[in-house]
Amino acid sequence: MNFKFLSLLGIFIIIMSSCKQSENQEQNTDSSKNTNEVTESDIAKLKYTEFLLDNQTEEAIQSWNEYTQINDVVNNVKKGDLSFFNDNDEAITVLLKDFNKNIPEKVNTDAVKARITAFETKLYKLQSFSGLSTTKRDELLATIKEFLVSFSNLNLQMNKKMEADKNVFERP
């Protein structure tokens, strides 16, 4: 009777210790996946097409200070610096409001406004994801990619507008 009891007790202890080890391993892998710190090299690995401004477009928006500020934010995000989004709600709202209000006439079209609205949406999404402690690294990287793509699309649309203005043909 004692032998059976000791055998069952030994098997029970072995099973319990192996369960605790697997739980610890799962907790370690979960905590490493939940790390939301991203680095410049992580962001550099993202695959997307980046459109820069043409010289003609740069000259047209040279006085658009809000674009310059947003471009600085985008460059900081590319470096992995998301500090702009930390407890900065009022400044972000004011910047985006002025960004919409002060669009230069040369690029002020419905298509550019649509790209600005899409960019605003992605900026707010990145702000909310960067502020959450439960955001996983992969989710944050995907959101950063969406943010960068939307800014690139804004640049592309402004370039297209300036190119279209340059290529105006008279009809016979």
N, C-alpha and C. Protein backbone atom coordinates (compact mmCIF):
# COMPACT_ATOMS: atom_id res chain seq x y z
N MET A 1 0.81 -1.18 0.00
CA MET A 1 0.00 0.00 0.00
C MET A 1 0.86 1.25 0.00
N ASN A 2 1.90 1.26 0.83
CA ASN A 2 2.80 2.42 0.88
C ASN A 2 3.54 2.60 -0.44
N PHE A 3 3.91 1.52 -1.06
CA PHE A 3 4.64 1.60 -2.33
C PHE A 3 3.77 2.24 -3.41
N LYS A 4 2.49 1.84 -3.51
CA LYS A 4 1.57 2.42 -4.49
C LYS A 4 1.35 3.91 -4.22
N PHE A 5 1.21 4.23 -2.94
CA PHE A 5 0.98 5.62 -2.57
C PHE A 5 2.19 6.48 -2.92
N LEU A 6 3.39 6.00 -2.61
CA LEU A 6 4.60 6.74 -2.93
C LEU A 6 4.81 6.85 -4.44
N SER A 7 4.45 5.83 -5.19
CA SER A 7 4.58 5.86 -6.65
C SER A 7 3.64 6.92 -7.23
N LEU A 8 2.40 6.92 -6.78
CA LEU A 8 1.45 7.92 -7.27
C LEU A 8 1.87 9.34 -6.88
N LEU A 9 2.37 9.49 -5.68
CA LEU A 9 2.84 10.81 -5.22
C LEU A 9 4.02 11.28 -6.07
N GLY A 10 4.94 10.39 -6.38
CA GLY A 10 6.10 10.73 -7.21
C GLY A 10 5.68 11.14 -8.62
N ILE A 11 4.75 10.40 -9.21
CA ILE A 11 4.25 10.74 -10.55
C ILE A 11 3.54 12.10 -10.52
N PHE A 12 2.77 12.34 -9.49
CA PHE A 12 2.05 13.61 -9.37
C PHE A 12 3.04 14.78 -9.27
N ILE A 13 4.10 14.63 -8.50
CA ILE A 13 5.10 15.69 -8.34
C ILE A 13 5.82 15.95 -9.66
N ILE A 14 6.14 14.92 -10.39
CA ILE A 14 6.82 15.08 -11.68
C ILE A 14 5.92 15.81 -12.68
N ILE A 15 4.67 15.45 -12.72
CA ILE A 15 3.72 16.10 -13.64
C ILE A 15 3.56 17.57 -13.27
N MET A 16 3.42 17.88 -12.01
CA MET A 16 3.23 19.27 -11.57
C MET A 16 4.46 20.11 -11.89
N SER A 17 5.66 19.58 -11.69
CA SER A 17 6.87 20.36 -11.96
C SER A 17 7.03 20.62 -13.46
N SER A 18 6.66 19.63 -14.29
CA SER A 18 6.77 19.85 -15.73
C SER A 18 5.73 20.87 -16.21
N CYS A 19 4.56 20.91 -15.60
CA CYS A 19 3.55 21.90 -15.96
C CYS A 19 4.01 23.30 -15.59
N LYS A 20 4.65 23.44 -14.44
CA LYS A 20 5.15 24.75 -14.03
C LYS A 20 6.24 25.24 -14.97
N GLN A 21 7.10 24.35 -15.44
CA GLN A 21 8.16 24.74 -16.37
C GLN A 21 7.58 25.23 -17.68
N SER A 22 6.57 24.53 -18.21
CA SER A 22 5.98 24.96 -19.47
C SER A 22 5.23 26.28 -19.31
N GLU A 23 4.61 26.51 -18.15
CA GLU A 23 3.94 27.78 -17.90
C GLU A 23 4.95 28.92 -17.85
N ASN A 24 6.10 28.69 -17.21
CA ASN A 24 7.14 29.71 -17.14
C ASN A 24 7.68 30.03 -18.53
N GLN A 25 7.85 29.02 -19.36
CA GLN A 25 8.34 29.24 -20.71
C GLN A 25 7.33 30.05 -21.52
N GLU A 26 6.03 29.74 -21.37
CA GLU A 26 5.00 30.50 -22.07
C GLU A 26 4.97 31.95 -21.61
N GLN A 27 5.15 32.17 -20.31
CA GLN A 27 5.15 33.54 -19.80
C GLN A 27 6.35 34.31 -20.35
N ASN A 28 7.50 33.67 -20.45
CA ASN A 28 8.70 34.33 -20.97
C ASN A 28 8.52 34.71 -22.44
N THR A 29 7.94 33.82 -23.24
CA THR A 29 7.75 34.14 -24.65
C THR A 29 6.68 35.20 -24.83
N ASP A 30 5.63 35.18 -24.00
CA ASP A 30 4.59 36.21 -24.09
C ASP A 30 5.14 37.58 -23.73
N SER A 31 5.97 37.65 -22.71
CA SER A 31 6.50 38.96 -22.32
C SER A 31 7.46 39.50 -23.38
N SER A 32 8.18 38.63 -24.07
CA SER A 32 9.07 39.12 -25.12
C SER A 32 8.28 39.57 -26.34
N LYS A 33 7.13 38.95 -26.60
CA LYS A 33 6.31 39.37 -27.73
C LYS A 33 5.57 40.66 -27.44
N ASN A 34 5.27 40.95 -26.17
CA ASN A 34 4.52 42.14 -25.82
C ASN A 34 5.39 43.39 -25.76
N THR A 35 6.68 43.24 -25.89
CA THR A 35 7.56 44.40 -25.87
C THR A 35 7.22 45.27 -27.05
N ASN A 36 6.86 46.52 -26.77
CA ASN A 36 6.45 47.39 -27.87
C ASN A 36 7.54 48.36 -28.27
N GLU A 37 8.75 48.11 -27.85
CA GLU A 37 9.85 48.96 -28.25
C GLU A 37 10.30 48.55 -29.65
N VAL A 38 10.35 49.54 -30.52
CA VAL A 38 10.82 49.29 -31.87
C VAL A 38 12.07 50.12 -32.09
N THR A 39 12.94 49.60 -32.93
CA THR A 39 14.19 50.29 -33.21
C THR A 39 14.21 50.78 -34.65
N GLU A 40 15.18 51.58 -34.94
CA GLU A 40 15.33 52.11 -36.29
C GLU A 40 15.55 50.97 -37.29
N SER A 41 16.28 49.95 -36.88
CA SER A 41 16.51 48.82 -37.79
C SER A 41 15.23 48.04 -38.05
N ASP A 42 14.35 47.93 -37.05
CA ASP A 42 13.06 47.27 -37.26
C ASP A 42 12.24 48.02 -38.30
N ILE A 43 12.23 49.33 -38.19
CA ILE A 43 11.44 50.15 -39.11
C ILE A 43 12.07 50.15 -40.49
N ALA A 44 13.40 50.10 -40.55
CA ALA A 44 14.08 50.07 -41.85
C ALA A 44 13.77 48.78 -42.61
N LYS A 45 13.41 47.73 -41.90
CA LYS A 45 13.09 46.45 -42.54
C LYS A 45 11.69 46.42 -43.15
N LEU A 46 10.86 47.41 -42.82
CA LEU A 46 9.50 47.46 -43.36
C LEU A 46 9.56 47.68 -44.86
N LYS A 47 8.76 46.93 -45.58
CA LYS A 47 8.73 47.03 -47.04
C LYS A 47 7.55 47.91 -47.48
N TYR A 48 7.88 49.05 -48.04
CA TYR A 48 6.87 49.93 -48.62
C TYR A 48 7.58 50.88 -49.58
N THR A 49 6.81 51.47 -50.47
CA THR A 49 7.36 52.42 -51.43
C THR A 49 7.28 53.81 -50.84
N GLU A 50 8.43 54.43 -50.71
CA GLU A 50 8.48 55.78 -50.13
C GLU A 50 8.63 56.80 -51.25
N PHE A 51 7.69 57.72 -51.30
CA PHE A 51 7.73 58.79 -52.29
C PHE A 51 8.20 60.06 -51.60
N LEU A 52 9.21 60.69 -52.19
CA LEU A 52 9.71 61.96 -51.70
C LEU A 52 9.15 63.08 -52.55
N LEU A 53 9.25 64.29 -52.08
CA LEU A 53 8.74 65.42 -52.83
C LEU A 53 9.69 65.81 -53.95
N ASP A 54 9.10 66.19 -55.10
CA ASP A 54 9.88 66.74 -56.20
C ASP A 54 10.34 68.15 -55.81
N ASN A 55 11.34 68.65 -56.53
CA ASN A 55 11.82 70.01 -56.27
C ASN A 55 10.71 71.03 -56.46
N GLN A 56 9.93 70.84 -57.50
CA GLN A 56 8.83 71.76 -57.80
C GLN A 56 7.80 71.76 -56.67
N THR A 57 7.50 70.60 -56.14
CA THR A 57 6.54 70.49 -55.04
C THR A 57 7.12 71.09 -53.76
N GLU A 58 8.38 70.86 -53.52
CA GLU A 58 9.03 71.45 -52.34
C GLU A 58 8.95 72.97 -52.37
N GLU A 59 9.17 73.55 -53.55
CA GLU A 59 9.08 75.00 -53.67
C GLU A 59 7.64 75.48 -53.43
N ALA A 60 6.66 74.71 -53.89
CA ALA A 60 5.26 75.11 -53.75
C ALA A 60 4.80 75.08 -52.30
N ILE A 61 5.36 74.18 -51.50
CA ILE A 61 4.90 74.05 -50.11
C ILE A 61 5.94 74.56 -49.11
N GLN A 62 6.89 75.31 -49.59
CA GLN A 62 7.98 75.79 -48.75
C GLN A 62 7.49 76.57 -47.53
N SER A 63 6.43 77.33 -47.68
CA SER A 63 5.93 78.13 -46.57
C SER A 63 4.93 77.38 -45.68
N TRP A 64 4.67 76.13 -45.96
CA TRP A 64 3.71 75.32 -45.20
C TRP A 64 4.42 74.74 -43.97
N ASN A 65 4.45 75.50 -42.89
CA ASN A 65 5.20 75.12 -41.68
C ASN A 65 4.69 73.84 -41.05
N GLU A 66 3.39 73.63 -41.12
CA GLU A 66 2.81 72.42 -40.50
C GLU A 66 3.31 71.16 -41.20
N TYR A 67 3.49 71.24 -42.53
CA TYR A 67 4.03 70.09 -43.25
C TYR A 67 5.45 69.79 -42.77
N THR A 68 6.22 70.84 -42.56
CA THR A 68 7.59 70.67 -42.08
C THR A 68 7.60 70.01 -40.71
N GLN A 69 6.70 70.42 -39.83
CA GLN A 69 6.61 69.81 -38.51
C GLN A 69 6.22 68.34 -38.60
N ILE A 70 5.26 68.05 -39.46
CA ILE A 70 4.82 66.66 -39.62
C ILE A 70 5.92 65.82 -40.25
N ASN A 71 6.66 66.40 -41.18
CA ASN A 71 7.78 65.69 -41.79
C ASN A 71 8.83 65.35 -40.73
N ASP A 72 9.06 66.25 -39.78
CA ASP A 72 9.98 65.97 -38.68
C ASP A 72 9.46 64.82 -37.81
N VAL A 73 8.16 64.80 -37.56
CA VAL A 73 7.56 63.70 -36.78
C VAL A 73 7.76 62.38 -37.52
N VAL A 74 7.53 62.38 -38.84
CA VAL A 74 7.70 61.16 -39.63
C VAL A 74 9.15 60.69 -39.59
N ASN A 75 10.08 61.62 -39.69
CA ASN A 75 11.50 61.24 -39.62
C ASN A 75 11.86 60.67 -38.26
N ASN A 76 11.28 61.21 -37.19
CA ASN A 76 11.51 60.66 -35.86
C ASN A 76 10.92 59.26 -35.73
N VAL A 77 9.76 59.04 -36.31
CA VAL A 77 9.14 57.71 -36.26
C VAL A 77 10.03 56.72 -37.01
N LYS A 78 10.63 57.14 -38.12
CA LYS A 78 11.53 56.26 -38.87
C LYS A 78 12.75 55.87 -38.04
N LYS A 79 13.10 56.72 -37.08
CA LYS A 79 14.22 56.43 -36.18
C LYS A 79 13.79 55.62 -34.97
N GLY A 80 12.50 55.31 -34.87
CA GLY A 80 12.00 54.53 -33.75
C GLY A 80 11.61 55.38 -32.56
N ASP A 81 11.58 56.70 -32.72
CA ASP A 81 11.25 57.61 -31.64
C ASP A 81 9.76 57.94 -31.71
N LEU A 82 8.98 57.37 -30.79
CA LEU A 82 7.55 57.60 -30.74
C LEU A 82 7.16 58.54 -29.60
N SER A 83 8.12 59.30 -29.10
CA SER A 83 7.87 60.17 -27.96
C SER A 83 6.90 61.29 -28.28
N PHE A 84 6.76 61.68 -29.54
CA PHE A 84 5.81 62.72 -29.93
C PHE A 84 4.39 62.35 -29.55
N PHE A 85 4.08 61.07 -29.52
CA PHE A 85 2.72 60.61 -29.27
C PHE A 85 2.40 60.44 -27.79
N ASN A 86 3.38 60.62 -26.92
CA ASN A 86 3.17 60.43 -25.49
C ASN A 86 2.62 61.71 -24.84
N ASP A 87 1.41 61.64 -24.33
CA ASP A 87 0.78 62.75 -23.61
C ASP A 87 0.87 64.06 -24.36
N ASN A 88 0.55 64.03 -25.63
CA ASN A 88 0.67 65.20 -26.49
C ASN A 88 -0.61 65.41 -27.29
N ASP A 89 -1.74 65.06 -26.71
CA ASP A 89 -3.02 65.07 -27.44
C ASP A 89 -3.38 66.45 -27.97
N GLU A 90 -3.26 67.46 -27.13
CA GLU A 90 -3.67 68.80 -27.53
C GLU A 90 -2.78 69.34 -28.65
N ALA A 91 -1.48 69.13 -28.54
CA ALA A 91 -0.55 69.62 -29.57
C ALA A 91 -0.80 68.92 -30.90
N ILE A 92 -1.10 67.64 -30.86
CA ILE A 92 -1.38 66.89 -32.08
C ILE A 92 -2.65 67.41 -32.74
N THR A 93 -3.68 67.65 -31.95
CA THR A 93 -4.93 68.16 -32.48
C THR A 93 -4.75 69.52 -33.14
N VAL A 94 -4.02 70.41 -32.47
CA VAL A 94 -3.78 71.75 -33.01
C VAL A 94 -2.95 71.67 -34.29
N LEU A 95 -1.92 70.83 -34.28
CA LEU A 95 -1.07 70.68 -35.47
C LEU A 95 -1.87 70.19 -36.66
N LEU A 96 -2.70 69.19 -36.46
CA LEU A 96 -3.48 68.65 -37.57
C LEU A 96 -4.56 69.63 -38.05
N LYS A 97 -5.12 70.38 -37.13
CA LYS A 97 -6.11 71.39 -37.51
C LYS A 97 -5.46 72.46 -38.38
N ASP A 98 -4.28 72.93 -37.97
CA ASP A 98 -3.56 73.93 -38.76
C ASP A 98 -3.04 73.34 -40.07
N PHE A 99 -2.69 72.07 -40.05
CA PHE A 99 -2.21 71.38 -41.24
C PHE A 99 -3.29 71.40 -42.32
N ASN A 100 -4.52 71.16 -41.92
CA ASN A 100 -5.65 71.18 -42.86
C ASN A 100 -6.00 72.59 -43.30
N LYS A 101 -5.91 73.52 -42.38
CA LYS A 101 -6.34 74.89 -42.65
C LYS A 101 -5.37 75.65 -43.57
N ASN A 102 -4.09 75.37 -43.48
CA ASN A 102 -3.08 76.16 -44.17
C ASN A 102 -2.49 75.47 -45.40
N ILE A 103 -3.26 74.68 -46.09
CA ILE A 103 -2.77 74.00 -47.30
C ILE A 103 -2.50 75.06 -48.37
N PRO A 104 -1.30 75.05 -48.95
CA PRO A 104 -1.00 76.02 -50.01
C PRO A 104 -1.93 75.83 -51.21
N GLU A 105 -2.27 76.93 -51.86
CA GLU A 105 -3.21 76.91 -52.98
C GLU A 105 -2.75 76.00 -54.12
N LYS A 106 -1.45 75.93 -54.34
CA LYS A 106 -0.94 75.15 -55.47
C LYS A 106 -1.22 73.66 -55.33
N VAL A 107 -1.38 73.17 -54.10
CA VAL A 107 -1.64 71.74 -53.88
C VAL A 107 -2.98 71.50 -53.20
N ASN A 108 -3.80 72.52 -53.11
CA ASN A 108 -5.08 72.41 -52.41
C ASN A 108 -6.14 71.83 -53.35
N THR A 109 -6.21 70.50 -53.39
CA THR A 109 -7.21 69.80 -54.19
C THR A 109 -7.93 68.78 -53.31
N ASP A 110 -9.02 68.27 -53.84
CA ASP A 110 -9.78 67.25 -53.09
C ASP A 110 -8.95 65.99 -52.87
N ALA A 111 -8.15 65.62 -53.86
CA ALA A 111 -7.33 64.41 -53.74
C ALA A 111 -6.27 64.57 -52.64
N VAL A 112 -5.65 65.73 -52.54
CA VAL A 112 -4.66 65.98 -51.50
C VAL A 112 -5.35 66.02 -50.14
N LYS A 113 -6.52 66.64 -50.06
CA LYS A 113 -7.27 66.67 -48.80
C LYS A 113 -7.65 65.26 -48.35
N ALA A 114 -7.98 64.41 -49.30
CA ALA A 114 -8.32 63.02 -48.96
C ALA A 114 -7.10 62.29 -48.39
N ARG A 115 -5.93 62.53 -48.97
CA ARG A 115 -4.69 61.91 -48.46
C ARG A 115 -4.34 62.45 -47.09
N ILE A 116 -4.63 63.73 -46.86
CA ILE A 116 -4.38 64.32 -45.53
C ILE A 116 -5.30 63.67 -44.50
N THR A 117 -6.55 63.46 -44.87
CA THR A 117 -7.50 62.81 -43.95
C THR A 117 -7.06 61.38 -43.63
N ALA A 118 -6.60 60.67 -44.65
CA ALA A 118 -6.10 59.31 -44.43
C ALA A 118 -4.87 59.33 -43.53
N PHE A 119 -4.00 60.30 -43.75
CA PHE A 119 -2.80 60.43 -42.91
C PHE A 119 -3.18 60.72 -41.46
N GLU A 120 -4.14 61.62 -41.26
CA GLU A 120 -4.60 61.94 -39.90
C GLU A 120 -5.11 60.69 -39.19
N THR A 121 -5.88 59.89 -39.92
CA THR A 121 -6.42 58.66 -39.34
C THR A 121 -5.30 57.73 -38.89
N LYS A 122 -4.29 57.56 -39.73
CA LYS A 122 -3.17 56.68 -39.38
C LYS A 122 -2.33 57.27 -38.25
N LEU A 123 -2.23 58.60 -38.19
CA LEU A 123 -1.49 59.23 -37.10
C LEU A 123 -2.20 58.98 -35.77
N TYR A 124 -3.52 59.15 -35.76
CA TYR A 124 -4.27 58.90 -34.53
C TYR A 124 -4.21 57.42 -34.14
N LYS A 125 -4.23 56.54 -35.12
CA LYS A 125 -4.13 55.11 -34.83
C LYS A 125 -2.76 54.80 -34.22
N LEU A 126 -1.70 55.37 -34.78
CA LEU A 126 -0.36 55.14 -34.24
C LEU A 126 -0.26 55.72 -32.83
N GLN A 127 -0.87 56.87 -32.61
CA GLN A 127 -0.85 57.47 -31.28
C GLN A 127 -1.51 56.54 -30.27
N SER A 128 -2.64 55.98 -30.62
CA SER A 128 -3.34 55.11 -29.67
C SER A 128 -2.58 53.80 -29.45
N PHE A 129 -2.01 53.24 -30.51
CA PHE A 129 -1.28 51.98 -30.36
C PHE A 129 0.01 52.18 -29.58
N SER A 130 0.69 53.30 -29.78
CA SER A 130 1.95 53.52 -29.08
C SER A 130 1.73 53.78 -27.60
N GLY A 131 0.54 54.23 -27.22
CA GLY A 131 0.25 54.51 -25.83
C GLY A 131 -0.25 53.32 -25.04
N LEU A 132 -0.59 52.24 -25.72
CA LEU A 132 -1.12 51.07 -25.02
C LEU A 132 0.00 50.13 -24.59
N SER A 133 -0.10 49.64 -23.36
CA SER A 133 0.91 48.70 -22.88
C SER A 133 0.66 47.29 -23.42
N THR A 134 -0.54 47.04 -23.91
CA THR A 134 -0.87 45.71 -24.41
C THR A 134 -0.57 45.53 -25.90
N THR A 135 -0.07 46.57 -26.55
CA THR A 135 0.22 46.50 -27.97
C THR A 135 1.42 45.60 -28.19
N LYS A 136 1.26 44.67 -29.08
CA LYS A 136 2.37 43.77 -29.42
C LYS A 136 3.26 44.45 -30.43
N ARG A 137 4.49 44.03 -30.46
CA ARG A 137 5.49 44.64 -31.33
C ARG A 137 5.10 44.55 -32.80
N ASP A 138 4.59 43.40 -33.22
CA ASP A 138 4.18 43.22 -34.61
C ASP A 138 3.04 44.16 -34.98
N GLU A 139 2.09 44.33 -34.07
CA GLU A 139 0.98 45.25 -34.32
C GLU A 139 1.47 46.68 -34.45
N LEU A 140 2.41 47.04 -33.59
CA LEU A 140 2.96 48.40 -33.63
C LEU A 140 3.73 48.63 -34.92
N LEU A 141 4.50 47.65 -35.34
CA LEU A 141 5.23 47.78 -36.60
C LEU A 141 4.28 47.90 -37.79
N ALA A 142 3.20 47.14 -37.77
CA ALA A 142 2.22 47.23 -38.86
C ALA A 142 1.56 48.60 -38.87
N THR A 143 1.29 49.15 -37.71
CA THR A 143 0.69 50.48 -37.63
C THR A 143 1.67 51.55 -38.09
N ILE A 144 2.93 51.40 -37.73
CA ILE A 144 3.96 52.34 -38.20
C ILE A 144 4.07 52.28 -39.71
N LYS A 145 4.00 51.08 -40.26
CA LYS A 145 4.05 50.96 -41.72
C LYS A 145 2.87 51.67 -42.37
N GLU A 146 1.67 51.49 -41.84
CA GLU A 146 0.49 52.18 -42.37
C GLU A 146 0.67 53.70 -42.31
N PHE A 147 1.22 54.18 -41.22
CA PHE A 147 1.47 55.60 -41.03
C PHE A 147 2.44 56.13 -42.09
N LEU A 148 3.54 55.40 -42.28
CA LEU A 148 4.55 55.83 -43.26
C LEU A 148 4.02 55.75 -44.69
N VAL A 149 3.23 54.74 -44.99
CA VAL A 149 2.63 54.61 -46.33
C VAL A 149 1.66 55.75 -46.59
N SER A 150 0.87 56.13 -45.58
CA SER A 150 -0.08 57.22 -45.79
C SER A 150 0.64 58.55 -46.02
N PHE A 151 1.76 58.77 -45.33
CA PHE A 151 2.53 60.00 -45.57
C PHE A 151 3.16 59.97 -46.96
N SER A 152 3.65 58.82 -47.35
CA SER A 152 4.23 58.67 -48.69
C SER A 152 3.18 58.91 -49.77
N ASN A 153 1.96 58.43 -49.55
CA ASN A 153 0.87 58.65 -50.50
C ASN A 153 0.49 60.13 -50.59
N LEU A 154 0.57 60.84 -49.48
CA LEU A 154 0.33 62.29 -49.49
C LEU A 154 1.38 62.98 -50.37
N ASN A 155 2.63 62.60 -50.19
CA ASN A 155 3.70 63.17 -51.02
C ASN A 155 3.47 62.87 -52.49
N LEU A 156 3.09 61.63 -52.79
CA LEU A 156 2.84 61.23 -54.17
C LEU A 156 1.71 62.06 -54.78
N GLN A 157 0.65 62.27 -54.03
CA GLN A 157 -0.49 63.02 -54.55
C GLN A 157 -0.12 64.48 -54.82
N MET A 158 0.68 65.07 -53.94
CA MET A 158 1.11 66.45 -54.17
C MET A 158 2.02 66.52 -55.40
N ASN A 159 2.90 65.52 -55.58
CA ASN A 159 3.75 65.47 -56.77
C ASN A 159 2.90 65.36 -58.04
N LYS A 160 1.87 64.51 -57.99
CA LYS A 160 0.99 64.35 -59.15
C LYS A 160 0.28 65.65 -59.49
N LYS A 161 -0.16 66.37 -58.48
CA LYS A 161 -0.85 67.65 -58.70
C LYS A 161 0.08 68.64 -59.38
N MET A 162 1.29 68.75 -58.92
CA MET A 162 2.25 69.69 -59.50
C MET A 162 2.61 69.26 -60.92
N GLU A 163 2.73 67.97 -61.16
CA GLU A 163 3.03 67.46 -62.50
C GLU A 163 1.87 67.73 -63.45
N ALA A 164 0.65 67.55 -62.99
CA ALA A 164 -0.51 67.81 -63.82
C ALA A 164 -0.62 69.29 -64.18
N ASP A 165 -0.29 70.16 -63.25
CA ASP A 165 -0.32 71.59 -63.52
C ASP A 165 0.74 71.98 -64.54
N LYS A 166 1.85 71.29 -64.50
CA LYS A 166 2.94 71.59 -65.42
C LYS A 166 2.61 71.13 -66.85
N ASN A 167 1.83 70.09 -66.97
CA ASN A 167 1.53 69.49 -68.27
C ASN A 167 0.15 69.86 -68.79
N VAL A 168 -0.19 71.12 -68.72
CA VAL A 168 -1.47 71.57 -69.23
C VAL A 168 -1.30 71.85 -70.73
N PHE A 169 -2.14 71.22 -71.51
CA PHE A 169 -2.08 71.38 -72.97
C PHE A 169 -3.30 72.12 -73.47
N GLU A 170 -3.10 72.95 -74.45
CA GLU A 170 -4.23 73.65 -75.04
C GLU A 170 -4.87 72.75 -76.08
N ARG A 171 -6.18 72.81 -76.13
CA ARG A 171 -6.90 72.00 -77.13
C ARG A 171 -7.08 72.83 -78.39
N PRO A 172 -6.93 72.21 -79.54
CA PRO A 172 -7.07 72.95 -80.80
C PRO A 172 -8.51 73.32 -81.11
